[in-house]
Protein backbone atom coordinates (compact mmCIF):
# COMPACT_ATOMS: atom_id res chain seq x y z
CA MET A 1 148.28 57.20 162.25
CA HIS A 2 150.60 57.11 159.36
CA ALA A 3 148.42 54.53 157.58
CA ALA A 4 145.33 56.64 158.07
CA HIS A 5 147.07 59.72 156.69
CA SER A 6 148.26 57.69 153.71
CA GLN A 7 144.71 56.48 153.10
CA MET A 8 143.27 60.02 153.23
CA SER A 9 145.87 61.19 150.70
CA ASP A 10 144.87 58.49 148.21
CA PRO A 11 143.64 60.17 144.97
CA LEU A 12 140.59 57.91 144.82
CA VAL A 13 139.54 58.91 148.29
CA ILE A 14 140.03 62.61 147.50
CA ALA A 15 137.89 62.26 144.35
CA PHE A 16 135.17 60.50 146.34
CA PHE A 17 134.92 63.30 148.88
CA LYS A 18 134.85 65.91 146.11
CA MET A 19 131.91 64.08 144.54
CA ARG A 20 130.04 64.08 147.85
CA LYS A 21 130.81 67.75 148.36
CA ASN A 22 129.41 68.72 144.93
CA ARG A 23 126.38 66.41 145.07
CA ASN A 24 124.13 69.37 146.01
CA PRO A 25 125.37 72.21 143.78
CA PRO A 26 124.40 75.76 144.75
CA GLN A 27 121.08 76.98 143.30
CA LEU A 28 121.37 79.64 140.65
CA ASP A 29 119.49 82.89 141.20
CA LEU A 30 117.17 82.59 138.18
CA ASP A 31 114.53 85.14 137.20
CA LEU A 32 111.50 82.89 136.61
CA ARG A 33 109.02 85.69 135.89
CA HIS A 34 106.76 85.11 132.85
CA ARG A 35 108.23 86.68 129.74
CA THR A 36 106.08 87.91 126.85
CA TRP A 37 107.27 88.19 123.29
CA GLY A 38 104.81 90.36 121.39
CA GLY A 39 101.25 90.70 122.55
CA ALA A 40 99.98 93.11 125.18
CA ARG A 41 102.67 94.95 127.13
CA ASP A 42 102.78 98.21 129.02
CA ASN A 43 103.49 101.16 126.70
CA ALA A 44 103.70 98.87 123.67
CA GLY A 45 102.46 99.69 120.20
CA ARG A 46 102.42 102.77 117.99
CA LYS A 47 102.40 106.00 119.98
CA ARG A 48 99.41 108.29 119.52
CA LEU A 49 100.22 111.63 117.94
CA ARG A 50 98.44 114.94 118.25
CA HIS A 51 95.85 115.84 115.60
CA LYS A 52 95.57 112.21 114.50
CA HIS A 53 92.16 110.64 114.03
CA ASP A 54 92.99 106.95 114.01
CA SER A 55 90.56 104.95 116.14
CA VAL A 56 91.82 102.84 119.03
CA HIS A 57 92.82 99.40 117.75
CA ARG A 58 90.52 97.32 119.93
CA THR A 59 88.53 94.28 118.88
CA ARG A 60 85.40 95.54 117.22
CA PRO A 61 82.25 94.69 119.19
CA ARG A 62 79.60 92.18 118.12
CA LEU A 63 77.19 93.69 115.61
CA PRO A 64 73.49 92.72 115.72
CA SER A 65 71.79 92.86 112.35
CA TYR A 66 69.23 95.41 113.61
CA ARG A 67 71.88 98.06 114.33
CA PRO A 68 73.08 100.30 111.46
CA VAL A 69 76.65 101.60 111.51
CA HIS A 70 78.06 105.07 110.80
CA VAL A 71 81.41 104.63 109.04
CA VAL A 72 84.06 107.30 108.36
CA MET A 73 87.04 106.84 106.00
CA ARG A 74 89.68 109.60 105.88
CA VAL A 75 92.23 109.96 103.07
CA LEU A 76 95.85 111.03 103.32
CA LYS A 77 96.76 114.71 103.19
CA ALA A 78 98.55 114.22 99.84
CA VAL A 79 95.33 113.05 98.15
CA PRO A 80 93.60 115.80 96.11
CA ARG A 81 90.25 117.18 97.15
CA LEU A 82 87.49 114.54 96.85
CA ARG A 83 84.66 116.99 96.08
CA GLN A 84 85.30 117.26 92.38
CA GLY A 85 83.64 115.73 89.36
CA ARG A 86 86.14 113.02 88.45
CA THR A 87 86.41 111.63 91.98
CA TYR A 88 82.63 111.75 92.36
CA ARG A 89 82.20 109.64 89.25
CA VAL A 90 84.76 107.09 90.47
CA ILE A 91 83.18 106.71 93.92
CA ARG A 92 79.74 106.49 92.32
CA ARG A 93 80.87 103.57 90.12
CA MET A 94 82.40 101.74 93.07
CA LEU A 95 79.23 102.18 95.17
CA ALA A 96 77.22 100.71 92.31
CA ARG A 97 79.39 97.59 92.43
CA CYS A 98 78.38 97.08 96.07
CA LEU A 99 74.64 97.06 95.36
CA GLY A 100 72.66 93.83 95.64
CA ASN A 101 74.52 92.32 98.59
CA PRO A 102 71.94 91.48 101.32
CA ALA A 103 74.68 90.99 103.92
CA PHE A 104 76.22 94.46 103.42
CA ARG A 105 74.21 97.51 102.33
CA VAL A 106 75.38 101.12 101.96
CA CYS A 107 72.16 103.02 102.70
CA HIS A 108 73.56 106.57 102.59
CA ALA A 109 76.85 108.18 101.62
CA SER A 110 78.51 111.58 101.72
CA ILE A 111 81.71 112.76 100.04
CA GLN A 112 83.59 115.54 101.83
CA SER A 113 86.87 117.20 100.93
CA ASN A 114 89.12 114.68 102.71
CA HIS A 115 86.82 111.97 104.09
CA LEU A 116 83.82 109.80 103.29
CA HIS A 117 80.73 109.07 105.40
CA PHE A 118 78.59 105.96 105.05
CA LEU A 119 75.51 104.65 106.83
CA VAL A 120 75.77 100.90 106.52
CA GLU A 121 73.67 97.89 107.42
CA ALA A 122 75.30 94.45 107.85
CA THR A 123 74.11 91.08 109.07
CA ASP A 124 76.98 90.73 111.55
CA LYS A 125 80.48 91.91 112.42
CA LEU A 126 82.16 89.69 109.83
CA SER A 127 79.90 90.92 107.03
CA LEU A 128 80.67 94.51 108.00
CA ALA A 129 84.42 93.86 107.99
CA ARG A 130 84.37 92.08 104.63
CA GLY A 131 82.06 94.65 103.06
CA MET A 132 84.15 97.59 104.22
CA GLN A 133 87.35 95.87 103.15
CA ARG A 134 85.97 95.38 99.64
CA LEU A 135 84.66 98.96 99.46
CA ASN A 136 87.99 100.30 100.71
CA ILE A 137 89.96 98.37 98.11
CA LEU A 138 87.60 99.26 95.25
CA ILE A 139 87.68 102.98 96.01
CA ALA A 140 91.42 103.12 96.69
CA ARG A 141 92.42 101.34 93.48
CA ALA A 142 89.98 103.27 91.30
CA LEU A 143 90.88 106.68 92.77
CA ASN A 144 94.60 105.99 92.49
CA ARG A 145 94.16 105.20 88.78
CA GLU A 146 92.05 108.31 88.25
CA LEU A 147 94.43 110.60 90.16
CA GLY A 148 97.60 109.09 88.67
CA ARG A 149 99.05 108.07 92.03
CA ARG A 150 100.16 104.87 93.73
CA GLY A 151 100.27 103.50 97.25
CA LYS A 152 98.11 103.99 100.27
CA LEU A 153 95.04 106.22 99.91
CA PHE A 154 93.24 106.10 103.26
CA ALA A 155 95.08 107.48 106.28
CA PHE A 156 93.68 105.03 108.85
CA ARG A 157 91.43 102.04 109.11
CA TYR A 158 87.75 102.93 108.97
CA HIS A 159 86.05 104.31 112.06
CA ALA A 160 82.72 102.57 112.82
CA THR A 161 80.05 103.63 115.31
CA GLN A 162 77.00 101.47 115.93
CA ILE A 163 73.69 103.34 115.97
CA THR A 164 71.78 102.20 119.03
CA ASN A 165 68.56 104.25 119.38
CA PRO A 166 66.16 106.49 117.41
CA ALA A 167 67.76 109.77 118.56
CA HIS A 168 71.18 108.52 117.50
CA ALA A 169 69.75 107.36 114.14
CA ARG A 170 68.13 110.73 113.46
CA HIS A 171 71.32 112.63 114.27
CA SER A 172 73.42 110.26 112.14
CA LEU A 173 71.15 110.77 109.12
CA ALA A 174 71.28 114.56 109.49
CA TYR A 175 75.03 114.45 110.07
CA VAL A 176 75.77 112.43 106.92
CA LEU A 177 73.28 114.02 104.54
CA ASN A 178 73.91 117.62 105.67
CA ASN A 179 77.58 117.29 106.50
CA TRP A 180 78.46 119.79 103.77
CA ARG A 181 76.69 122.53 105.77
CA ARG A 182 78.71 121.60 108.85
CA HIS A 183 81.93 122.06 106.80
CA ARG A 184 80.50 125.16 105.04
CA GLU A 185 80.88 123.60 101.61
CA ASN A 186 77.55 125.23 100.72
CA GLU A 187 79.22 128.67 100.96
CA GLY A 188 81.71 128.10 98.17
CA CYS A 189 79.66 129.69 95.41
CA GLU A 190 76.25 131.20 94.69
CA ARG A 191 74.98 127.99 93.09
CA ALA A 192 75.92 125.92 96.15
CA ALA A 193 74.40 128.48 98.52
CA GLU A 194 71.06 128.18 96.73
CA ALA A 195 71.08 124.37 96.57
CA ALA A 196 68.77 122.53 98.95
CA LEU A 197 70.73 119.26 98.95
CA ASP A 198 74.38 118.31 98.73
CA PRO A 199 75.09 116.90 95.25
CA TYR A 200 77.96 114.89 96.79
CA ALA A 201 75.61 113.02 99.17
CA SER A 202 72.74 110.58 98.76
CA GLY A 203 70.05 113.04 99.90
CA PHE A 204 68.12 112.76 96.63
CA SER A 205 67.12 109.18 97.56
CA PHE A 206 66.06 110.19 101.10
CA ARG A 207 62.33 110.47 101.79
CA GLY A 208 62.49 112.06 105.22
CA TRP A 209 63.02 115.75 104.38
CA ALA A 210 60.77 118.13 106.27
CA ASN A 211 60.75 120.34 103.16
CA GLY A 212 59.30 117.56 101.03
CA HIS A 213 60.95 115.44 98.40
CA VAL A 214 63.59 117.20 96.31
CA ALA A 215 63.66 116.09 92.69
CA THR A 216 66.92 114.99 91.12
CA PRO A 217 68.20 117.63 88.66
CA ASP A 218 68.02 116.76 85.00
CA GLY A 219 71.11 114.99 83.76
CA PHE A 220 72.50 114.41 87.24
CA ALA A 221 73.39 110.86 88.36
CA PRO A 222 73.02 110.66 92.18
CA LEU A 223 75.02 108.30 94.38
CA PRO A 224 73.59 104.77 94.20
CA VAL A 225 72.62 103.40 97.61
CA SER A 226 70.54 100.52 98.98
CA GLU A 227 67.17 100.96 100.65
CA ALA A 228 67.38 100.70 104.44
CA THR A 229 65.89 97.62 106.08
CA THR A 230 66.59 98.23 109.77
CA TRP A 231 63.83 99.74 111.88
CA LEU A 232 66.11 102.53 113.10
CA LEU A 233 66.87 103.86 109.60
CA ARG A 234 63.38 103.26 108.18
CA VAL A 235 61.00 104.34 110.94
CA GLY A 236 62.61 104.74 114.34
CA TRP A 237 64.51 107.94 113.63
CA GLN A 238 61.26 109.77 112.77
CA LYS A 239 60.31 109.72 116.45
CA TYR A 240 62.47 112.89 116.80
CA GLY A 241 61.14 114.72 113.76
CA LEU A 242 61.88 115.01 110.07
CA ILE A 243 65.15 116.55 108.89
CA ASP A 244 65.23 120.04 107.42
CA ALA A 245 67.34 120.32 104.27
CA TRP A 246 68.89 123.53 105.66
CA GLU A 247 69.72 122.03 109.05
CA VAL A 248 73.34 122.33 110.19
CA PRO A 249 74.20 119.18 112.19
CA GLY A 250 76.05 119.43 115.47
CA PRO A 251 79.03 117.26 116.41
CA MET A 252 78.67 113.53 116.75
CA ARG A 253 78.64 112.10 120.25
């Protein structure tokens, strides 16, 4: 008995039993749920604010070449009013630099007090993105030089809506070309109230007026735009009637 007790008290024997006891250590309570660093998460990203017009930052859809696009670009509140002679001349020069590109065509344009409208044709989504990026940079740099300012000019990324049918095309044309009547810019003075077309839009190159073609005033340089090639902007929209120069467009869908 004494020998057995002596053997059990041997340090080597004690170490052996400790090793056997700890051979299966207790399992730690680990949280093995998938962790995400960046990317999509609930309630992530910049919070939407009231009275802001930034479009939802989703992947832009595929763009078939036969669908025109209505694009809106809005400037910051600190930027002076765009409907003035010097800004018109700058935007006109930058539009002229975009002519001749078969992959990206600005078919109509309209300058409002704090935003720009364009009806654009592009061969695909990538051509639209590259064309709008170039137009954005050209206008922003040139206007900043003209206005003596620096930094960001446009408040948000451009908002693009694909035009999908003749009714949509007709409304988009009326909305862009007669947008000044919607914003009551034609009521600013007697001369504007008597004008048939907006001098800050590309209506002088449009051949679909119900009132007939309006001649360009002597000495006036209209906005340079490309001729439409898509069926919707050339022919399809006429299914719903010509556009009256005095028409006040309703809201976009």
